[in-house]
């Protein structure tokens, strides 16, 4: 939630290679959740995922290109300002997060995780040797010939780094030792499931992994003391067999911990799963309001879907009916990839 006295803003990433404007800024209406676009900045190609600093004064973006890079921006003023040149990372980075004075990137193309040091002024230093290479493969002939980490970030305790690898059907738990990610434990998920993103429950003891190659969520127990993830069950995110393409993408846990929301591309739906102890139960789906929902975000009682192929960001009120998103509006952003709030 935005701090009291600060205006509420959203930052939207998009694919410039598909005609997107790059980094887009928007004002957030505090009562309706509506977005009003205020500017754009196209200095970095394909800023497909974004992350804000804890203070909200710096924004970091991956450049999801074959070469791969991460860029920093100052966002204290009216418009983002580049803060130094982009720093090269592994190829095709799809996600990033901040942890222990570093920006971590999940390098889908090159199959690893990179740690980029953050200087005291928020700018980025060279990645140097701060890389962990994943190894392994999965049974899917086209998508799992090698490792493809799709997400990386800290656990709720701040002691561990968790990376989710679509190519190896596994989640890796790591430490950050002197700026270098080091493997602590690798947890295998069902072969061929294709894990994409993970979201922790507010209790810090449960985690939910959305799988891209099968429309399911894997429910897990999380042990922060031991840095271990224990898969319990897989739960479908669709009420029946998909009619065509069905590639889940985003997963979000409601702030009160009662619901898990997922997005599924192809089917173009948002799913609602009720949390029931150590399990989940699918309670319904609603249209995402666009085509190919690539990412989800929750902010102040509204759920936002970045719909890549229809070129828009839609928002849904989730305050009234228990967990069920109610469509409220949209704004046009060509090749939208993600949205974050500050």
Protein backbone atom coordinates (compact mmCIF):
# COMPACT_ATOMS: atom_id res chain seq x y z
CA UNK A 1 0.00 0.00 0.00
CA UNK A 2 1.26 3.47 -0.83
CA UNK A 3 2.46 5.57 2.08
CA UNK A 4 0.12 8.19 3.56
CA UNK A 5 0.62 11.56 1.91
CA UNK A 6 2.23 10.13 -1.22
CA UNK A 7 0.39 10.07 -4.48
CA UNK A 8 -0.43 6.62 -5.72
CA UNK A 9 1.25 5.61 -8.93
CA UNK A 10 1.51 2.55 -11.12
CA UNK A 11 4.36 1.55 -13.41
CA UNK A 12 3.61 -0.68 -16.38
CA UNK A 13 6.17 -2.63 -18.39
CA UNK A 14 5.62 -3.55 -22.04
CA UNK A 15 7.34 -5.25 -24.97
CA UNK A 16 8.84 -2.66 -27.32
CA UNK A 17 9.61 -5.44 -29.83
CA UNK A 18 5.83 -5.92 -30.18
CA UNK A 19 5.10 -2.20 -30.51
CA UNK A 20 4.81 -1.40 -26.81
CA UNK A 21 5.82 2.01 -25.44
CA UNK A 22 8.36 0.63 -22.96
CA UNK A 23 7.97 1.86 -19.39
CA UNK A 24 4.60 3.55 -18.75
CA UNK A 25 3.52 5.59 -15.71
CA UNK A 26 -0.02 6.02 -14.42
CA UNK A 27 -1.92 7.68 -11.58
CA UNK A 28 -4.09 5.38 -9.43
CA UNK A 29 -7.47 6.68 -8.30
CA UNK A 30 -7.67 5.86 -4.56
CA UNK A 31 -11.37 5.04 -4.53
CA UNK A 32 -11.94 3.21 -7.80
CA UNK A 33 -8.51 1.74 -8.56
CA UNK A 34 -8.73 3.28 -12.04
CA UNK A 35 -5.49 3.98 -13.90
CA UNK A 36 -4.85 7.21 -15.81
CA UNK A 37 -1.77 7.12 -18.02
CA UNK A 38 0.62 10.02 -17.40
CA UNK A 39 3.78 9.27 -19.37
CA UNK A 40 6.07 6.81 -21.07
CA UNK A 41 9.79 6.18 -21.34
CA UNK A 42 11.30 4.03 -24.09
CA UNK A 43 14.98 4.09 -23.13
CA UNK A 44 15.32 0.31 -22.54
CA UNK A 45 14.01 -2.38 -24.91
CA UNK A 46 11.40 -4.83 -23.60
CA UNK A 47 11.12 -3.77 -19.93
CA UNK A 48 8.90 -6.79 -19.25
CA UNK A 49 9.14 -6.90 -15.47
CA UNK A 50 9.58 -4.15 -12.88
CA UNK A 51 10.35 -3.86 -9.16
CA UNK A 52 10.35 -0.88 -6.80
CA UNK A 53 12.85 -0.21 -4.03
CA UNK A 54 11.47 -0.47 -0.47
CA UNK A 55 11.54 3.34 -0.18
CA UNK A 56 9.68 3.68 -3.48
CA UNK A 57 12.19 6.14 -4.91
CA UNK A 58 13.91 3.75 -7.35
CA UNK A 59 12.44 1.50 -10.04
CA UNK A 60 14.29 -1.41 -11.63
CA UNK A 61 13.43 -3.10 -14.93
CA UNK A 62 14.68 -6.16 -16.76
CA UNK A 63 15.37 -5.81 -20.45
CA UNK A 64 14.04 -9.13 -21.75
CA UNK A 65 16.28 -9.36 -24.80
CA UNK A 66 18.65 -12.06 -26.00
CA UNK A 67 21.56 -10.13 -24.45
CA UNK A 68 19.69 -9.31 -21.24
CA UNK A 69 20.11 -6.34 -18.91
CA UNK A 70 18.66 -4.61 -15.85
CA UNK A 71 18.10 -0.84 -15.66
CA UNK A 72 17.54 1.59 -12.78
CA UNK A 73 15.31 4.69 -12.70
CA UNK A 74 14.70 7.45 -10.18
CA UNK A 75 10.96 7.88 -9.66
CA UNK A 76 10.77 10.59 -7.01
CA UNK A 77 9.74 13.26 -9.53
CA UNK A 78 6.96 13.52 -12.08
CA UNK A 79 8.60 11.15 -14.56
CA UNK A 80 11.12 8.29 -14.23
CA UNK A 81 14.71 9.31 -14.90
CA UNK A 82 17.38 6.79 -15.97
CA UNK A 83 19.95 6.30 -13.20
CA UNK A 84 23.04 5.11 -15.00
CA UNK A 85 23.48 2.73 -17.92
CA UNK A 86 21.79 -0.71 -18.01
CA UNK A 87 23.87 -3.52 -16.52
CA UNK A 88 24.23 -6.74 -18.56
CA UNK A 89 22.89 -9.96 -16.98
CA UNK A 90 22.10 -13.40 -18.37
CA UNK A 91 20.11 -13.65 -21.58
CA UNK A 92 16.33 -13.26 -21.64
CA UNK A 93 15.66 -12.15 -18.03
CA UNK A 94 11.96 -12.48 -17.21
CA UNK A 95 11.75 -11.39 -13.56
CA UNK A 96 13.60 -9.43 -10.90
CA UNK A 97 13.40 -8.66 -7.19
CA UNK A 98 15.42 -6.81 -4.56
CA UNK A 99 17.19 -8.60 -1.73
CA UNK A 100 20.06 -7.76 0.63
CA UNK A 101 21.42 -4.84 -1.37
CA UNK A 102 21.13 -6.58 -4.73
CA UNK A 103 18.78 -6.80 -7.67
CA UNK A 104 18.20 -10.46 -8.51
CA UNK A 105 17.21 -11.47 -12.04
CA UNK A 106 15.76 -14.75 -13.32
CA UNK A 107 17.53 -15.32 -16.62
CA UNK A 108 15.14 -17.55 -18.55
CA UNK A 109 17.18 -17.68 -21.74
CA UNK A 110 20.59 -18.44 -20.28
CA UNK A 111 19.30 -20.62 -17.44
CA UNK A 112 20.49 -18.95 -14.27
CA UNK A 113 20.07 -16.30 -11.59
CA UNK A 114 22.14 -13.10 -11.46
CA UNK A 115 22.76 -10.82 -8.46
CA UNK A 116 23.50 -7.18 -9.36
CA UNK A 117 24.85 -5.01 -6.51
CA UNK A 118 22.91 -1.84 -5.68
CA UNK A 119 25.01 1.16 -4.64
CA UNK A 120 23.93 3.37 -1.70
CA UNK A 121 22.46 5.90 -4.17
CA UNK A 122 20.31 3.21 -5.80
CA UNK A 123 22.35 2.88 -8.98
CA UNK A 124 23.65 -0.48 -10.19
CA UNK A 125 27.16 -1.87 -10.17
CA UNK A 126 28.45 -4.57 -12.50
CA UNK A 127 27.15 -8.09 -11.87
CA UNK A 128 30.70 -9.43 -11.89
CA UNK A 129 30.69 -13.08 -10.73
CA UNK A 130 27.29 -12.93 -9.02
CA UNK A 131 25.64 -15.69 -11.05
CA UNK A 132 24.26 -19.13 -10.33
CA UNK A 133 23.83 -21.44 -13.31
CA UNK A 134 20.92 -23.87 -13.14
CA UNK A 135 21.24 -27.37 -14.58
CA UNK A 136 18.74 -30.02 -15.62
CA UNK A 137 15.82 -30.56 -17.99
CA UNK A 138 12.25 -31.91 -18.13
CA UNK A 139 10.13 -34.24 -20.26
CA UNK A 140 8.54 -31.55 -22.45
CA UNK A 141 10.53 -31.80 -25.69
CA UNK A 142 10.24 -28.16 -26.78
CA UNK A 143 10.02 -26.22 -23.51
CA UNK A 144 12.20 -28.22 -21.13
CA UNK A 145 15.41 -29.07 -22.96
CA UNK A 146 17.33 -27.09 -20.36
CA UNK A 147 16.86 -24.85 -17.32
CA UNK A 148 14.57 -21.83 -17.64
CA UNK A 149 14.19 -19.92 -14.35
CA UNK A 150 11.12 -17.71 -14.65
CA UNK A 151 10.99 -16.02 -11.23
CA UNK A 152 13.33 -15.18 -8.39
CA UNK A 153 12.84 -13.42 -5.07
CA UNK A 154 13.27 -13.55 -1.29
CA UNK A 155 11.13 -15.64 1.04
CA UNK A 156 9.05 -13.84 3.73
CA UNK A 157 11.76 -14.31 6.37
CA UNK A 158 14.37 -12.59 4.19
CA UNK A 159 16.83 -15.43 4.83
CA UNK A 160 16.50 -17.23 1.51
CA UNK A 161 16.27 -16.67 -2.24
CA UNK A 162 13.72 -18.79 -4.10
CA UNK A 163 13.93 -19.35 -7.86
CA UNK A 164 11.23 -21.12 -9.88
CA UNK A 165 12.48 -23.05 -12.92
CA UNK A 166 10.06 -24.00 -15.69
CA UNK A 167 12.65 -26.04 -17.56
CA UNK A 168 13.70 -28.32 -14.71
CA UNK A 169 10.33 -28.71 -12.91
CA UNK A 170 11.88 -27.51 -9.69
CA UNK A 171 12.19 -24.72 -7.15
CA UNK A 172 15.66 -23.82 -5.90
CA UNK A 173 16.30 -22.37 -2.46
CA UNK A 174 19.51 -20.34 -2.32
CA UNK A 175 21.55 -18.07 -0.11
CA UNK A 176 23.35 -14.91 -1.18
CA UNK A 177 26.97 -15.37 -0.10
CA UNK A 178 29.09 -12.25 -0.63
CA UNK A 179 26.96 -11.25 -3.58
CA UNK A 180 26.90 -14.69 -5.22
CA UNK A 181 23.73 -16.86 -5.20
CA UNK A 182 24.59 -20.28 -3.78
CA UNK A 183 22.35 -23.37 -3.96
CA UNK A 184 21.00 -24.58 -0.62
CA UNK A 185 18.35 -27.06 -1.76
CA UNK A 186 16.46 -27.99 -4.95
CA UNK A 187 12.87 -29.21 -4.61
CA UNK A 188 11.43 -31.33 -7.42
CA UNK A 189 7.86 -30.78 -8.58
CA UNK A 190 5.86 -33.09 -10.85
CA UNK A 191 7.72 -33.80 -14.12
CA UNK A 192 6.22 -31.82 -16.99
CA UNK A 193 4.31 -29.38 -14.78
CA UNK A 194 6.48 -26.41 -15.81
CA UNK A 195 6.47 -24.23 -12.66
CA UNK A 196 6.42 -20.53 -13.50
CA UNK A 197 5.75 -18.30 -10.47
CA UNK A 198 5.39 -18.71 -6.71
CA UNK A 199 3.47 -16.65 -4.15
CA UNK A 200 3.74 -16.96 -0.37
CA UNK A 201 0.77 -16.94 1.99
CA UNK A 202 0.78 -14.15 4.63
CA UNK A 203 1.29 -16.81 7.31
CA UNK A 204 4.79 -17.44 5.92
CA UNK A 205 4.20 -21.19 6.09
CA UNK A 206 2.48 -21.91 2.76
CA UNK A 207 3.45 -21.22 -0.85
CA UNK A 208 1.58 -21.65 -4.12
CA UNK A 209 3.38 -22.45 -7.38
CA UNK A 210 1.46 -21.79 -10.60
CA UNK A 211 2.43 -24.23 -13.35
CA UNK A 212 2.63 -23.08 -16.98
CA UNK A 213 2.67 -26.41 -18.82
CA UNK A 214 -0.36 -27.76 -16.96
CA UNK A 215 -3.19 -25.49 -15.70
CA UNK A 216 -2.59 -26.20 -12.00
CA UNK A 217 -1.27 -24.73 -8.77
CA UNK A 218 1.02 -26.78 -6.54
CA UNK A 219 0.31 -26.21 -2.84
CA UNK A 220 3.43 -26.34 -0.68
CA UNK A 221 4.51 -26.02 2.93
CA UNK A 222 7.40 -23.61 3.51
CA UNK A 223 9.94 -24.13 6.30
CA UNK A 224 11.87 -20.88 6.77
CA UNK A 225 14.10 -22.38 9.46
CA UNK A 226 15.41 -25.10 7.19
CA UNK A 227 14.92 -23.34 3.86
CA UNK A 228 12.77 -26.15 2.53
CA UNK A 229 9.63 -26.41 0.40
CA UNK A 230 7.36 -29.45 0.67
CA UNK A 231 4.84 -30.03 -2.18
CA UNK A 232 1.47 -31.25 -0.88
CA UNK A 233 -0.98 -31.33 -3.81
CA UNK A 234 -1.77 -30.01 -7.28
CA UNK A 235 -5.06 -28.19 -7.75
CA UNK A 236 -6.60 -27.34 -11.17
CA UNK A 237 -7.16 -23.66 -12.00
CA UNK A 238 -9.81 -24.43 -14.65
CA UNK A 239 -13.19 -26.14 -14.08
CA UNK A 240 -12.65 -28.57 -16.98
CA UNK A 241 -10.33 -29.45 -19.81
CA UNK A 242 -9.16 -26.33 -21.70
CA UNK A 243 -10.68 -25.67 -25.11
CA UNK A 244 -7.31 -24.69 -26.59
CA UNK A 245 -4.11 -23.08 -25.34
CA UNK A 246 -4.04 -22.84 -21.55
CA UNK A 247 -0.86 -21.40 -20.10
CA UNK A 248 -1.18 -20.10 -16.52
CA UNK A 249 0.98 -17.08 -15.81
CA UNK A 250 0.46 -15.04 -12.65
CA UNK A 251 -0.41 -16.02 -9.08
CA UNK A 252 -1.41 -13.66 -6.25
CA UNK A 253 -2.50 -14.35 -2.67
CA UNK A 254 -5.08 -11.98 -1.19
CA UNK A 255 -3.71 -9.81 1.66
CA UNK A 256 -6.05 -11.50 4.15
CA UNK A 257 -4.84 -14.94 3.03
CA UNK A 258 -8.31 -16.24 2.16
CA UNK A 259 -7.89 -16.54 -1.62
CA UNK A 260 -5.39 -17.31 -4.34
CA UNK A 261 -5.91 -15.73 -7.77
CA UNK A 262 -4.31 -16.99 -10.97
CA UNK A 263 -4.37 -15.91 -14.62
CA UNK A 264 -4.45 -18.31 -17.56
CA UNK A 265 -3.50 -17.24 -21.06
CA UNK A 266 -5.32 -18.73 -24.03
CA UNK A 267 -8.41 -19.32 -21.91
CA UNK A 268 -8.11 -15.62 -20.90
CA UNK A 269 -9.53 -16.13 -17.42
CA UNK A 270 -8.79 -15.25 -13.83
CA UNK A 271 -9.36 -18.09 -11.37
CA UNK A 272 -10.37 -17.86 -7.72
CA UNK A 273 -9.16 -20.54 -5.31
CA UNK A 274 -10.27 -20.55 -1.69
CA UNK A 275 -7.61 -21.33 0.91
CA UNK A 276 -8.68 -24.24 3.11
CA UNK A 277 -6.02 -25.16 5.65
CA UNK A 278 -3.24 -26.90 3.75
CA UNK A 279 -5.28 -26.99 0.54
CA UNK A 280 -7.04 -24.96 -2.13
CA UNK A 281 -10.46 -25.25 -3.76
CA UNK A 282 -11.33 -23.75 -7.14
CA UNK A 283 -14.47 -21.64 -6.63
CA UNK A 284 -14.85 -19.92 -10.00
CA UNK A 285 -13.36 -18.13 -13.00
CA UNK A 286 -14.07 -14.79 -14.70
CA UNK A 287 -12.88 -13.36 -18.06
CA UNK A 288 -9.71 -11.31 -17.73
CA UNK A 289 -11.18 -8.52 -19.89
CA UNK A 290 -8.54 -8.92 -22.59
CA UNK A 291 -6.33 -11.46 -24.33
CA UNK A 292 -3.25 -13.26 -22.98
CA UNK A 293 -3.04 -12.11 -19.34
CA UNK A 294 0.69 -12.20 -18.67
CA UNK A 295 0.85 -10.92 -15.09
CA UNK A 296 -1.37 -10.19 -12.09
CA UNK A 297 -1.03 -7.67 -9.24
CA UNK A 298 -3.20 -6.75 -6.25
CA UNK A 299 -3.36 -3.22 -4.85
CA UNK A 300 -5.75 -1.69 -2.32
CA UNK A 301 -8.60 -4.12 -2.97
CA UNK A 302 -8.24 -4.24 -6.76
CA UNK A 303 -6.77 -6.96 -8.96
CA UNK A 304 -4.93 -5.88 -12.13
CA UNK A 305 -4.26 -7.99 -15.22
CA UNK A 306 -1.62 -7.01 -17.80
CA UNK A 307 -3.05 -8.43 -21.04
CA UNK A 308 -0.21 -8.71 -23.52
CA UNK A 309 -1.92 -9.53 -26.83
CA UNK A 310 -4.98 -7.30 -26.47
CA UNK A 311 -2.71 -4.47 -25.32
CA UNK A 312 -4.39 -3.33 -22.12
CA UNK A 313 -4.39 -3.43 -18.36
CA UNK A 314 -7.73 -4.33 -16.77
CA UNK A 315 -8.74 -3.97 -13.14
CA UNK A 316 -11.24 -5.77 -10.94
CA UNK A 317 -12.82 -4.95 -7.60
CA UNK A 318 -12.21 -7.81 -5.16
CA UNK A 319 -13.51 -6.05 -2.02
CA UNK A 320 -17.20 -6.95 -2.11
CA UNK A 321 -17.99 -10.47 -3.25
CA UNK A 322 -15.75 -13.00 -1.49
CA UNK A 323 -12.73 -13.37 -3.73
CA UNK A 324 -14.63 -13.07 -7.02
CA UNK A 325 -13.16 -10.31 -9.23
CA UNK A 326 -15.68 -7.79 -10.63
CA UNK A 327 -14.52 -6.04 -13.81
CA UNK A 328 -14.26 -2.26 -13.32
CA UNK A 329 -12.25 -0.84 -16.22
CA UNK A 330 -9.22 -0.89 -18.48
CA UNK A 331 -6.54 1.29 -20.02
CA UNK A 332 -4.71 0.75 -23.31
CA UNK A 333 -1.04 -0.25 -23.14
CA UNK A 334 0.25 -2.05 -26.23
CA UNK A 335 2.01 -5.35 -25.40
CA UNK A 336 1.50 -4.89 -21.64
CA UNK A 337 3.65 -7.26 -19.59
CA UNK A 338 3.36 -6.29 -15.90
CA UNK A 339 2.18 -3.61 -13.47
CA UNK A 340 3.60 -2.60 -10.08
CA UNK A 341 2.49 0.02 -7.58
CA UNK A 342 4.26 2.62 -5.49
